PDB file of N, CA and C in Angstrom:
ATOM      1  N   MET A   1      35.423  25.082 -13.474  1.00  0.00           N
ATOM      2  CA  MET A   1      34.375  25.080 -13.250  1.00  0.00           C
ATOM      3  C   MET A   1      33.589  23.686 -13.659  1.00  0.00           C
ATOM      4  N   ARG A   2      33.995  23.455 -14.706  1.00  0.00           N
ATOM      5  CA  ARG A   2      33.502  22.147 -15.367  1.00  0.00           C
ATOM      6  C   ARG A   2      33.675  20.838 -14.277  1.00  0.00           C
ATOM      7  N   SER A   3      34.969  20.771 -13.640  1.00  0.00           N
ATOM      8  CA  SER A   3      35.353  19.729 -12.930  1.00  0.00           C
ATOM      9  C   SER A   3      34.417  20.033 -11.614  1.00  0.00           C
ATOM     10  N   LEU A   4      33.916  21.024 -10.917  1.00  0.00           N
ATOM     11  CA  LEU A   4      33.092  21.363 -10.072  1.00  0.00           C
ATOM     12  C   LEU A   4      31.624  20.583 -10.442  1.00  0.00           C
ATOM     13  N   HIS A   5      31.292  20.978 -11.777  1.00  0.00           N
ATOM     14  CA  HIS A   5      29.820  20.469 -12.046  1.00  0.00           C
ATOM     15  C   HIS A   5      29.918  18.613 -12.148  1.00  0.00           C
ATOM     16  N   THR A   6      31.127  18.302 -12.744  1.00  0.00           N
ATOM     17  CA  THR A   6      31.270  16.864 -12.584  1.00  0.00           C
ATOM     18  C   THR A   6      31.209  16.316 -11.297  1.00  0.00           C
ATOM     19  N   PHE A   7      32.124  17.090 -10.382  1.00  0.00           N
ATOM     20  CA  PHE A   7      32.181  16.460  -9.204  1.00  0.00           C
ATOM     21  C   PHE A   7      30.540  16.093  -8.350  1.00  0.00           C
ATOM     22  N   PHE A   8      29.827  17.386  -8.787  1.00  0.00           N
ATOM     23  CA  PHE A   8      28.351  17.472  -8.100  1.00  0.00           C
ATOM     24  C   PHE A   8      27.536  16.182  -8.587  1.00  0.00           C
ATOM     25  N   ILE A   9      27.738  15.807  -9.998  1.00  0.00           N
ATOM     26  CA  ILE A   9      27.129  14.835 -10.763  1.00  0.00           C
ATOM     27  C   ILE A   9      27.636  13.658 -10.071  1.00  0.00           C
ATOM     28  N   LEU A  10      28.797  13.549  -9.951  1.00  0.00           N
ATOM     29  CA  LEU A  10      29.481  12.120  -9.336  1.00  0.00           C
ATOM     30  C   LEU A  10      29.072  11.935  -8.028  1.00  0.00           C
ATOM     31  N   LEU A  11      29.106  13.037  -7.109  1.00  0.00           N
ATOM     32  CA  LEU A  11      28.391  12.917  -5.696  1.00  0.00           C
ATOM     33  C   LEU A  11      26.989  12.276  -5.687  1.00  0.00           C
ATOM     34  N   GLY A  12      26.085  13.036  -6.730  1.00  0.00           N
ATOM     35  CA  GLY A  12      24.757  12.744  -6.759  1.00  0.00           C
ATOM     36  C   GLY A  12      24.587  11.336  -6.936  1.00  0.00           C
ATOM     37  N   LEU A  13      25.283  10.663  -7.895  1.00  0.00           N
ATOM     38  CA  LEU A  13      25.258   9.453  -8.540  1.00  0.00           C
ATOM     39  C   LEU A  13      25.466   8.229  -7.644  1.00  0.00           C
ATOM     40  N   SER A  14      26.451   8.705  -6.411  1.00  0.00           N
ATOM     41  CA  SER A  14      27.092   7.687  -5.569  1.00  0.00           C
ATOM     42  C   SER A  14      25.812   7.814  -4.395  1.00  0.00           C
ATOM     43  N   PHE A  15      25.195   8.793  -4.264  1.00  0.00           N
ATOM     44  CA  PHE A  15      24.273   8.973  -3.169  1.00  0.00           C
ATOM     45  C   PHE A  15      22.970   8.146  -3.746  1.00  0.00           C
ATOM     46  N   LEU A  16      22.801   8.201  -5.124  1.00  0.00           N
ATOM     47  CA  LEU A  16      21.723   7.222  -5.442  1.00  0.00           C
ATOM     48  C   LEU A  16      22.118   5.960  -5.389  1.00  0.00           C
ATOM     49  N   SER A  17      23.379   5.548  -5.963  1.00  0.00           N
ATOM     50  CA  SER A  17      23.563   4.108  -5.758  1.00  0.00           C
ATOM     51  C   SER A  17      23.462   3.614  -4.373  1.00  0.00           C
ATOM     52  N   VAL A  18      24.156   4.252  -3.530  1.00  0.00           N
ATOM     53  CA  VAL A  18      23.740   3.707  -2.117  1.00  0.00           C
ATOM     54  C   VAL A  18      22.672   3.853  -1.347  1.00  0.00           C
ATOM     55  N   SER A  19      21.967   4.453  -1.727  1.00  0.00           N
ATOM     56  CA  SER A  19      20.397   4.637  -1.518  1.00  0.00           C
ATOM     57  C   SER A  19      19.437   3.820  -2.138  1.00  0.00           C
ATOM     58  N   CYS A  20      19.975   3.122  -3.556  1.00  0.00           N
ATOM     59  CA  CYS A  20      18.805   2.165  -4.031  1.00  0.00           C
ATOM     60  C   CYS A  20      19.321   0.623  -4.054  1.00  0.00           C
ATOM     61  N   GLY A  21      20.527   0.680  -3.346  1.00  0.00           N
ATOM     62  CA  GLY A  21      20.924  -0.592  -3.376  1.00  0.00           C
ATOM     63  C   GLY A  21      20.550  -1.464  -2.327  1.00  0.00           C
ATOM     64  N   GLY A  22      21.057  -2.762  -2.080  1.00  0.00           N
ATOM     65  CA  GLY A  22      20.707  -3.374  -1.293  1.00  0.00           C
ATOM     66  C   GLY A  22      19.614  -4.246  -1.479  1.00  0.00           C
ATOM     67  N   SER A  23      18.994  -4.969  -0.461  1.00  0.00           N
ATOM     68  CA  SER A  23      17.927  -5.990  -0.365  1.00  0.00           C
ATOM     69  C   SER A  23      16.776  -5.262   0.227  1.00  0.00           C
ATOM     70  N   VAL A  24      16.208  -4.057  -0.030  1.00  0.00           N
ATOM     71  CA  VAL A  24      15.047  -3.821   0.680  1.00  0.00           C
ATOM     72  C   VAL A  24      13.794  -4.753   0.349  1.00  0.00           C
ATOM     73  N   VAL A  25      13.172  -4.865   1.005  1.00  0.00           N
ATOM     74  CA  VAL A  25      11.658  -5.850   1.183  1.00  0.00           C
ATOM     75  C   VAL A  25      10.607  -4.548   1.030  1.00  0.00           C
ATOM     76  N   ASN A  26       9.705  -4.739   0.137  1.00  0.00           N
ATOM     77  CA  ASN A  26       8.408  -3.863   0.161  1.00  0.00           C
ATOM     78  C   ASN A  26       7.393  -4.783   0.722  1.00  0.00           C
ATOM     79  N   GLU A  27       7.183  -4.127   1.859  1.00  0.00           N
ATOM     80  CA  GLU A  27       5.991  -4.698   2.589  1.00  0.00           C
ATOM     81  C   GLU A  27       4.694  -4.426   2.527  1.00  0.00           C
ATOM     82  N   GLY A  28       4.700  -3.177   1.725  1.00  0.00           N
ATOM     83  CA  GLY A  28       3.371  -2.766   1.266  1.00  0.00           C
ATOM     84  C   GLY A  28       2.977  -1.816   2.357  1.00  0.00           C
ATOM     85  N   GLU A  29       1.531  -1.110   2.053  1.00  0.00           N
ATOM     86  CA  GLU A  29       0.935  -0.277   3.022  1.00  0.00           C
ATOM     87  C   GLU A  29       0.646  -1.093   4.166  1.00  0.00           C
ATOM     88  N   ASN A  30       0.961  -0.501   5.514  1.00  0.00           N
ATOM     89  CA  ASN A  30       0.869  -1.010   6.733  1.00  0.00           C
ATOM     90  C   ASN A  30      -0.395  -0.423   7.155  1.00  0.00           C
ATOM     91  N   TYR A  31      -1.358  -0.794   7.960  1.00  0.00           N
ATOM     92  CA  TYR A  31      -2.521  -0.295   8.716  1.00  0.00           C
ATOM     93  C   TYR A  31      -2.823  -1.179   9.964  1.00  0.00           C
ATOM     94  N   GLY A  32      -1.670  -2.038   9.808  1.00  0.00           N
ATOM     95  CA  GLY A  32      -1.981  -2.538  11.279  1.00  0.00           C
ATOM     96  C   GLY A  32      -2.949  -3.970  10.846  1.00  0.00           C
ATOM     97  N   ASP A  33      -3.074  -4.507  11.772  1.00  0.00           N
ATOM     98  CA  ASP A  33      -4.107  -5.928  12.052  1.00  0.00           C
ATOM     99  C   ASP A  33      -5.597  -5.309  11.946  1.00  0.00           C
ATOM    100  N   LEU A  34      -5.873  -5.032  10.765  1.00  0.00           N
ATOM    101  CA  LEU A  34      -7.487  -4.648  10.587  1.00  0.00           C
ATOM    102  C   LEU A  34      -8.526  -5.478  11.502  1.00  0.00           C
ATOM    103  N   LEU A  35      -8.019  -7.084  11.707  1.00  0.00           N
ATOM    104  CA  LEU A  35      -9.057  -7.758  12.205  1.00  0.00           C
ATOM    105  C   LEU A  35      -9.234  -7.471  13.677  1.00  0.00           C
ATOM    106  N   GLY A  36      -8.266  -6.643  14.521  1.00  0.00           N
ATOM    107  CA  GLY A  36      -8.446  -6.118  15.707  1.00  0.00           C
ATOM    108  C   GLY A  36      -8.996  -4.919  16.014  1.00  0.00           C
ATOM    109  N   THR A  37      -9.685  -4.526  14.924  1.00  0.00           N
ATOM    110  CA  THR A  37     -10.300  -3.026  15.121  1.00  0.00           C
ATOM    111  C   THR A  37     -11.710  -3.351  15.226  1.00  0.00           C
ATOM    112  N   THR A  38     -12.662  -2.415  15.515  1.00  0.00           N
ATOM    113  CA  THR A  38     -13.952  -2.781  16.133  1.00  0.00           C
ATOM    114  C   THR A  38     -14.816  -3.594  14.980  1.00  0.00           C
ATOM    115  N   ASP A  39     -14.932  -3.151  13.638  1.00  0.00           N
ATOM    116  CA  ASP A  39     -15.567  -3.905  12.867  1.00  0.00           C
ATOM    117  C   ASP A  39     -14.611  -4.802  11.909  1.00  0.00           C
ATOM    118  N   GLY A  40     -13.378  -5.164  12.495  1.00  0.00           N
ATOM    119  CA  GLY A  40     -12.699  -6.268  11.669  1.00  0.00           C
ATOM    120  C   GLY A  40     -12.170  -5.555  10.255  1.00  0.00           C
ATOM    121  N   LEU A  41     -12.216  -6.236   9.400  1.00  0.00           N
ATOM    122  CA  LEU A  41     -11.733  -5.919   7.932  1.00  0.00           C
ATOM    123  C   LEU A  41     -12.767  -4.562   7.447  1.00  0.00           C
ATOM    124  N   VAL A  42     -13.988  -4.838   7.786  1.00  0.00           N
ATOM    125  CA  VAL A  42     -14.961  -3.674   7.231  1.00  0.00           C
ATOM    126  C   VAL A  42     -14.595  -2.306   7.850  1.00  0.00           C
ATOM    127  N   LEU A  43     -14.472  -1.467   7.006  1.00  0.00           N
ATOM    128  CA  LEU A  43     -13.773   0.247   7.252  1.00  0.00           C
ATOM    129  C   LEU A  43     -15.000   0.676   7.872  1.00  0.00           C
ATOM    130  N   THR A  44     -14.613   1.598   8.838  1.00  0.00           N
ATOM    131  CA  THR A  44     -15.293   2.382   9.419  1.00  0.00           C
ATOM    132  C   THR A  44     -15.053   3.678   9.286  1.00  0.00           C
ATOM    133  N   GLN A  45     -15.838   4.794   9.550  1.00  0.00           N
ATOM    134  CA  GLN A  45     -15.719   6.212   9.270  1.00  0.00           C
ATOM    135  C   GLN A  45     -14.737   6.748  10.216  1.00  0.00           C
ATOM    136  N   ASP A  46     -14.609   5.896  11.515  1.00  0.00           N
ATOM    137  CA  ASP A  46     -13.727   6.783  12.430  1.00  0.00           C
ATOM    138  C   ASP A  46     -12.280   6.162  12.064  1.00  0.00           C
ATOM    139  N   GLU A  47     -11.990   4.942  11.433  1.00  0.00           N
ATOM    140  CA  GLU A  47     -10.722   4.373  11.244  1.00  0.00           C
ATOM    141  C   GLU A  47     -10.327   4.909   9.649  1.00  0.00           C
ATOM    142  N   HIS A  48     -11.122   5.348   9.249  1.00  0.00           N
ATOM    143  CA  HIS A  48     -10.797   5.808   7.535  1.00  0.00           C
ATOM    144  C   HIS A  48     -11.462   7.218   7.158  1.00  0.00           C
ATOM    145  N   GLU A  49     -11.411   8.166   8.018  1.00  0.00           N
ATOM    146  CA  GLU A  49     -11.742   9.577   7.911  1.00  0.00           C
ATOM    147  C   GLU A  49     -11.596  10.205   6.612  1.00  0.00           C
ATOM    148  N   ALA A  50     -10.249  10.226   6.243  1.00  0.00           N
ATOM    149  CA  ALA A  50      -9.776  11.055   4.750  1.00  0.00           C
ATOM    150  C   ALA A  50     -10.593  10.506   3.580  1.00  0.00           C
ATOM    151  N   GLY A  51     -10.524   9.115   3.855  1.00  0.00           N
ATOM    152  CA  GLY A  51     -11.442   8.069   2.522  1.00  0.00           C
ATOM    153  C   GLY A  51     -12.836   8.027   2.495  1.00  0.00           C
ATOM    154  N   TRP A  52     -13.387   8.309   3.689  1.00  0.00           N
ATOM    155  CA  TRP A  52     -14.698   7.824   4.046  1.00  0.00           C
ATOM    156  C   TRP A  52     -15.921   8.167   3.127  1.00  0.00           C
ATOM    157  N   GLY A  53     -16.415   7.501   2.313  1.00  0.00           N
ATOM    158  CA  GLY A  53     -17.894   7.867   1.387  1.00  0.00           C
ATOM    159  C   GLY A  53     -16.964   8.044   0.043  1.00  0.00           C
ATOM    160  N   ARG A  54     -15.910   7.719  -0.180  1.00  0.00           N
ATOM    161  CA  ARG A  54     -15.160   7.591  -1.464  1.00  0.00           C
ATOM    162  C   ARG A  54     -14.958   6.269  -2.111  1.00  0.00           C
ATOM    163  N   SER A  55     -15.507   5.942  -3.409  1.00  0.00           N
ATOM    164  CA  SER A  55     -15.650   4.845  -3.888  1.00  0.00           C
ATOM    165  C   SER A  55     -14.230   4.498  -4.839  1.00  0.00           C
ATOM    166  N   GLU A  56     -13.276   5.513  -5.145  1.00  0.00           N
ATOM    167  CA  GLU A  56     -12.216   5.307  -5.981  1.00  0.00           C
ATOM    168  C   GLU A  56     -11.233   5.142  -4.711  1.00  0.00           C
ATOM    169  N   CYS A  57     -10.957   3.579  -4.462  1.00  0.00           N
ATOM    170  CA  CYS A  57      -9.964   3.421  -3.583  1.00  0.00           C
ATOM    171  C   CYS A  57      -8.441   3.827  -4.039  1.00  0.00           C
ATOM    172  N   ASP A  58      -8.525   3.356  -5.426  1.00  0.00           N
ATOM    173  CA  ASP A  58      -7.272   3.579  -5.846  1.00  0.00           C
ATOM    174  C   ASP A  58      -6.548   5.003  -6.167  1.00  0.00           C
ATOM    175  N   LEU A  59      -7.531   6.037  -5.659  1.00  0.00           N
ATOM    176  CA  LEU A  59      -6.977   7.489  -5.626  1.00  0.00           C
ATOM    177  C   LEU A  59      -5.862   7.704  -4.552  1.00  0.00           C
ATOM    178  N   CYS A  60      -6.267   6.825  -3.516  1.00  0.00           N
ATOM    179  CA  CYS A  60      -5.039   6.893  -2.509  1.00  0.00           C
ATOM    180  C   CYS A  60      -4.204   5.659  -2.217  1.00  0.00           C
ATOM    181  N   HIS A  61      -4.924   4.577  -2.552  1.00  0.00           N
ATOM    182  CA  HIS A  61      -4.416   3.295  -2.348  1.00  0.00           C
ATOM    183  C   HIS A  61      -3.824   2.614  -3.695  1.00  0.00           C
ATOM    184  N   ASN A  62      -2.318   2.703  -3.907  1.00  0.00           N
ATOM    185  CA  ASN A  62      -1.764   1.945  -4.832  1.00  0.00           C
ATOM    186  C   ASN A  62      -1.925   0.399  -5.099  1.00  0.00           C
ATOM    187  N   LEU A  63      -2.655  -0.235  -5.991  1.00  0.00           N
ATOM    188  CA  LEU A  63      -3.288  -1.349  -6.081  1.00  0.00           C
ATOM    189  C   LEU A  63      -1.847  -2.293  -5.824  1.00  0.00           C
ATOM    190  N   GLU A  64      -0.744  -2.051  -6.375  1.00  0.00           N
ATOM    191  CA  GLU A  64       0.484  -2.834  -6.586  1.00  0.00           C
ATOM    192  C   GLU A  64       1.051  -2.948  -5.221  1.00  0.00           C
ATOM    193  N   ASN A  65       0.905  -2.290  -4.271  1.00  0.00           N
ATOM    194  CA  ASN A  65       1.294  -1.796  -2.792  1.00  0.00           C
ATOM    195  C   ASN A  65       0.836  -2.524  -1.858  1.00  0.00           C
ATOM    196  N   ILE A  66      -0.477  -3.172  -2.023  1.00  0.00           N
ATOM    197  CA  ILE A  66      -1.384  -3.259  -0.853  1.00  0.00           C
ATOM    198  C   ILE A  66      -1.519  -5.003  -0.945  1.00  0.00           C
ATOM    199  N   HIS A  67      -1.653  -5.670   0.191  1.00  0.00           N
ATOM    200  CA  HIS A  67      -1.863  -6.933   0.276  1.00  0.00           C
ATOM    201  C   HIS A  67      -0.482  -7.745   0.047  1.00  0.00           C
ATOM    202  N   LEU A  68       0.665  -7.135   0.350  1.00  0.00           N
ATOM    203  CA  LEU A  68       2.032  -7.730   0.291  1.00  0.00           C
ATOM    204  C   LEU A  68       2.176  -8.237   1.572  1.00  0.00           C
ATOM    205  N   THR A  69       1.404  -8.374   2.513  1.00  0.00           N
ATOM    206  CA  THR A  69       2.308  -8.743   3.744  1.00  0.00           C
ATOM    207  C   THR A  69       0.714  -9.457   4.692  1.00  0.00           C
ATOM    208  N   ASN A  70       0.878 -10.411   5.095  1.00  0.00           N
ATOM    209  CA  ASN A  70      -0.364 -10.824   6.085  1.00  0.00           C
ATOM    210  C   ASN A  70      -0.043 -10.124   7.540  1.00  0.00           C
ATOM    211  N   ARG A  71      -0.613  -9.212   7.863  1.00  0.00           N
ATOM    212  CA  ARG A  71      -0.670  -8.389   9.308  1.00  0.00           C
ATOM    213  C   ARG A  71      -1.537  -9.189   9.835  1.00  0.00           C
ATOM    214  N   THR A  72      -2.137 -10.049   9.685  1.00  0.00           N
ATOM    215  CA  THR A  72      -3.233 -10.867  10.705  1.00  0.00           C
ATOM    216  C   THR A  72      -2.441 -12.053  11.534  1.00  0.00           C
ATOM    217  N   SER A  73      -3.325 -12.631  12.565  1.00  0.00           N
ATOM    218  CA  SER A  73      -2.601 -13.563  13.283  1.00  0.00           C
ATOM    219  C   SER A  73      -3.523 -14.867  12.409  1.00  0.00           C
ATOM    220  N   LEU A  74      -4.292 -14.786  11.183  1.00  0.00           N
ATOM    221  CA  LEU A  74      -4.838 -15.648  10.755  1.00  0.00           C
ATOM    222  C   LEU A  74      -4.082 -16.151   9.638  1.00  0.00           C
ATOM    223  N   ASN A  75      -4.046 -17.453   9.010  1.00  0.00           N
ATOM    224  CA  ASN A  75      -3.356 -17.823   8.130  1.00  0.00           C
ATOM    225  C   ASN A  75      -4.325 -17.595   6.728  1.00  0.00           C
ATOM    226  N   ILE A  76      -3.809 -16.614   6.057  1.00  0.00           N
ATOM    227  CA  ILE A  76      -5.087 -15.961   4.745  1.00  0.00           C
ATOM    228  C   ILE A  76      -3.824 -15.945   3.506  1.00  0.00           C
ATOM    229  N   ASP A  77      -4.498 -16.184   2.582  1.00  0.00           N
ATOM    230  CA  ASP A  77      -3.421 -16.472   1.354  1.00  0.00           C
ATOM    231  C   ASP A  77      -3.468 -15.219   0.489  1.00  0.00           C
ATOM    232  N   MET A  78      -2.464 -14.493   0.998  1.00  0.00           N
ATOM    233  CA  MET A  78      -2.168 -13.009   0.452  1.00  0.00           C
ATOM    234  C   MET A  78      -1.990 -13.063  -1.026  1.00  0.00           C
ATOM    235  N   GLU A  79      -1.410 -14.257  -1.531  1.00  0.00           N
ATOM    236  CA  GLU A  79      -1.143 -14.262  -2.820  1.00  0.00           C
ATOM    237  C   GLU A  79      -2.439 -14.048  -3.660  1.00  0.00           C
ATOM    238  N   ALA A  80      -3.431 -14.804  -3.326  1.00  0.00           N
ATOM    239  CA  ALA A  80      -4.759 -15.100  -4.007  1.00  0.00           C
ATOM    240  C   ALA A  80      -5.515 -13.742  -3.989  1.00  0.00           C
ATOM    241  N   ILE A  81      -5.345 -13.112  -2.660  1.00  0.00           N
ATOM    242  CA  ILE A  81      -6.294 -11.887  -2.350  1.00  0.00           C
ATOM    243  C   ILE A  81      -5.672 -10.885  -3.204  1.00  0.00           C
ATOM    244  N   ARG A  82      -4.221 -10.659  -3.692  1.00  0.00           N
ATOM    245  CA  ARG A  82      -3.699 -10.002  -4.699  1.00  0.00           C
ATOM    246  C   ARG A  82      -3.923 -10.278  -6.007  1.00  0.00           C
ATOM    247  N   GLU A  83      -3.935 -11.730  -6.414  1.00  0.00           N
ATOM    248  CA  GLU A  83      -4.412 -11.860  -7.705  1.00  0.00           C
ATOM    249  C   GLU A  83      -5.971 -11.221  -7.844  1.00  0.00           C
ATOM    250  N   ASP A  84      -6.550 -11.311  -7.030  1.00  0.00           N
ATOM    251  CA  ASP A  84      -7.895 -10.757  -7.120  1.00  0.00           C
ATOM    252  C   ASP A  84      -8.063  -9.495  -7.209  1.00  0.00           C
ATOM    253  N   VAL A  85      -7.126  -8.676  -6.409  1.00  0.00           N
ATOM    254  CA  VAL A  85      -7.428  -7.174  -6.547  1.00  0.00           C
ATOM    255  C   VAL A  85      -6.566  -6.809  -8.056  1.00  0.00           C
ATOM    256  N   LEU A  86      -5.562  -7.368  -8.224  1.00  0.00           N
ATOM    257  CA  LEU A  86      -4.962  -6.907  -9.447  1.00  0.00           C
ATOM    258  C   LEU A  86      -5.808  -7.202 -10.601  1.00  0.00           C
ATOM    259  N   ALA A  87      -6.669  -8.331 -10.864  1.00  0.00           N
ATOM    260  CA  ALA A  87      -7.536  -8.780 -11.656  1.00  0.00           C
ATOM    261  C   ALA A  87      -8.808  -7.948 -11.787  1.00  0.00           C
ATOM    262  N   GLU A  88      -9.132  -7.619 -10.558  1.00  0.00           N
ATOM    263  CA  GLU A  88     -10.545  -7.344 -10.554  1.00  0.00           C
ATOM    264  C   GLU A  88     -10.581  -5.648 -10.303  1.00  0.00           C
ATOM    265  N   GLY A  89      -9.490  -5.342  -9.588  1.00  0.00           N
ATOM    266  CA  GLY A  89      -9.375  -3.701  -9.479  1.00  0.00           C
ATOM    267  C   GLY A  89     -10.043  -3.364  -8.132  1.00  0.00           C
ATOM    268  N   ILE A  90     -10.360  -2.014  -8.221  1.00  0.00           N
ATOM    269  CA  ILE A  90     -11.111  -1.679  -6.745  1.00  0.00           C
ATOM    270  C   ILE A  90     -12.512  -2.511  -6.717  1.00  0.00           C
ATOM    271  N   THR A  91     -12.991  -2.757  -7.606  1.00  0.00           N
ATOM    272  CA  THR A  91     -14.220  -3.627  -7.567  1.00  0.00           C
ATOM    273  C   THR A  91     -14.264  -4.930  -6.308  1.00  0.00           C
ATOM    274  N   SER A  92     -13.218  -4.937  -6.112  1.00  0.00           N
ATOM    275  CA  SER A  92     -12.922  -6.473  -5.150  1.00  0.00           C
ATOM    276  C   SER A  92     -12.868  -5.968  -3.899  1.00  0.00           C
ATOM    277  N   CYS A  93     -12.346  -4.321  -3.356  1.00  0.00           N
ATOM    278  CA  CYS A  93     -12.170  -3.946  -1.941  1.00  0.00           C
ATOM    279  C   CYS A  93     -13.594  -4.160  -1.476  1.00  0.00           C
ATOM    280  N   VAL A  94     -14.731  -4.074  -1.952  1.00  0.00           N
ATOM    281  CA  VAL A  94     -16.041  -4.142  -0.922  1.00  0.00           C
ATOM    282  C   VAL A  94     -16.257  -5.406  -0.509  1.00  0.00           C
ATOM    283  N   THR A  95     -15.606  -6.554  -1.244  1.00  0.00           N
ATOM    284  CA  THR A  95     -15.722  -7.709  -0.701  1.00  0.00           C
ATOM    285  C   THR A  95     -15.281  -8.061   0.821  1.00  0.00           C
ATOM    286  N   CYS A  96     -13.861  -7.501   1.048  1.00  0.00           N
ATOM    287  CA  CYS A  96     -13.470  -7.717   2.426  1.00  0.00           C
ATOM    288  C   CYS A  96     -13.593  -6.468   3.238  1.00  0.00           C
ATOM    289  N   HIS A  97     -13.703  -5.309   2.659  1.00  0.00           N
ATOM    290  CA  HIS A  97     -13.764  -3.525   3.097  1.00  0.00           C
ATOM    291  C   HIS A  97     -14.694  -3.017   3.503  1.00  0.00           C
ATOM    292  N   GLY A  98     -16.250  -3.717   3.237  1.00  0.00           N
ATOM    293  CA  GLY A  98     -17.455  -3.196   3.105  1.00  0.00           C
ATOM    294  C   GLY A  98     -17.457  -1.871   2.005  1.00  0.00           C
ATOM    295  N   THR A  99     -18.637  -1.231   2.160  1.00  0.00           N
ATOM    296  CA  THR A  99     -18.839  -0.426   1.537  1.00  0.00           C
ATOM    297  C   THR A  99     -17.946   1.219   1.516  1.00  0.00           C
ATOM    298  N   ASN A 100     -17.388   1.218   2.514  1.00  0.00           N
ATOM    299  CA  ASN A 100     -16.507   2.541   2.736  1.00  0.00           C
ATOM    300  C   ASN A 100     -17.459   3.770   2.949  1.00  0.00           C
ATOM    301  N   GLY A 101     -18.887   3.697   3.453  1.00  0.00           N
ATOM    302  CA  GLY A 101     -19.866   4.696   3.365  1.00  0.00           C
ATOM    303  C   GLY A 101     -20.286   4.889   2.134  1.00  0.00           C
ATOM    304  N   VAL A 102     -20.269   4.430   1.016  1.00  0.00           N
ATOM    305  CA  VAL A 102     -20.782   4.563  -0.414  1.00  0.00           C
ATOM    306  C   VAL A 102     -22.341   3.871  -0.431  1.00  0.00           C
ATOM    307  N   GLU A 103     -23.130   4.592  -0.575  1.00  0.00           N
ATOM    308  CA  GLU A 103     -24.467   4.001  -0.790  1.00  0.00           C
ATOM    309  C   GLU A 103     -24.791   3.762  -2.302  1.00  0.00           C
TER     310      GLU A 103
END
């Protein structure tokens, strides 16, 4: 019985090592090119139904996992944007994305 238990532990560890290895690049949350939408970077109720009217962006969006990749055709300094977001937190969201329906 002990050898069966050991077998399953080793099997689990081998799956873990295979799935966690490699050079996986985190490209962050992907909402496509927001500049190509109706109001550009400013969120609309149609585009942001589940979060519309909420001011706590970080309840759904992990600030460590956003603005990692430039998904626009413009030359945008994503590193500067990330620095602002990480320094200012969710107060920086309104600068580019509007009020999200919050009055």
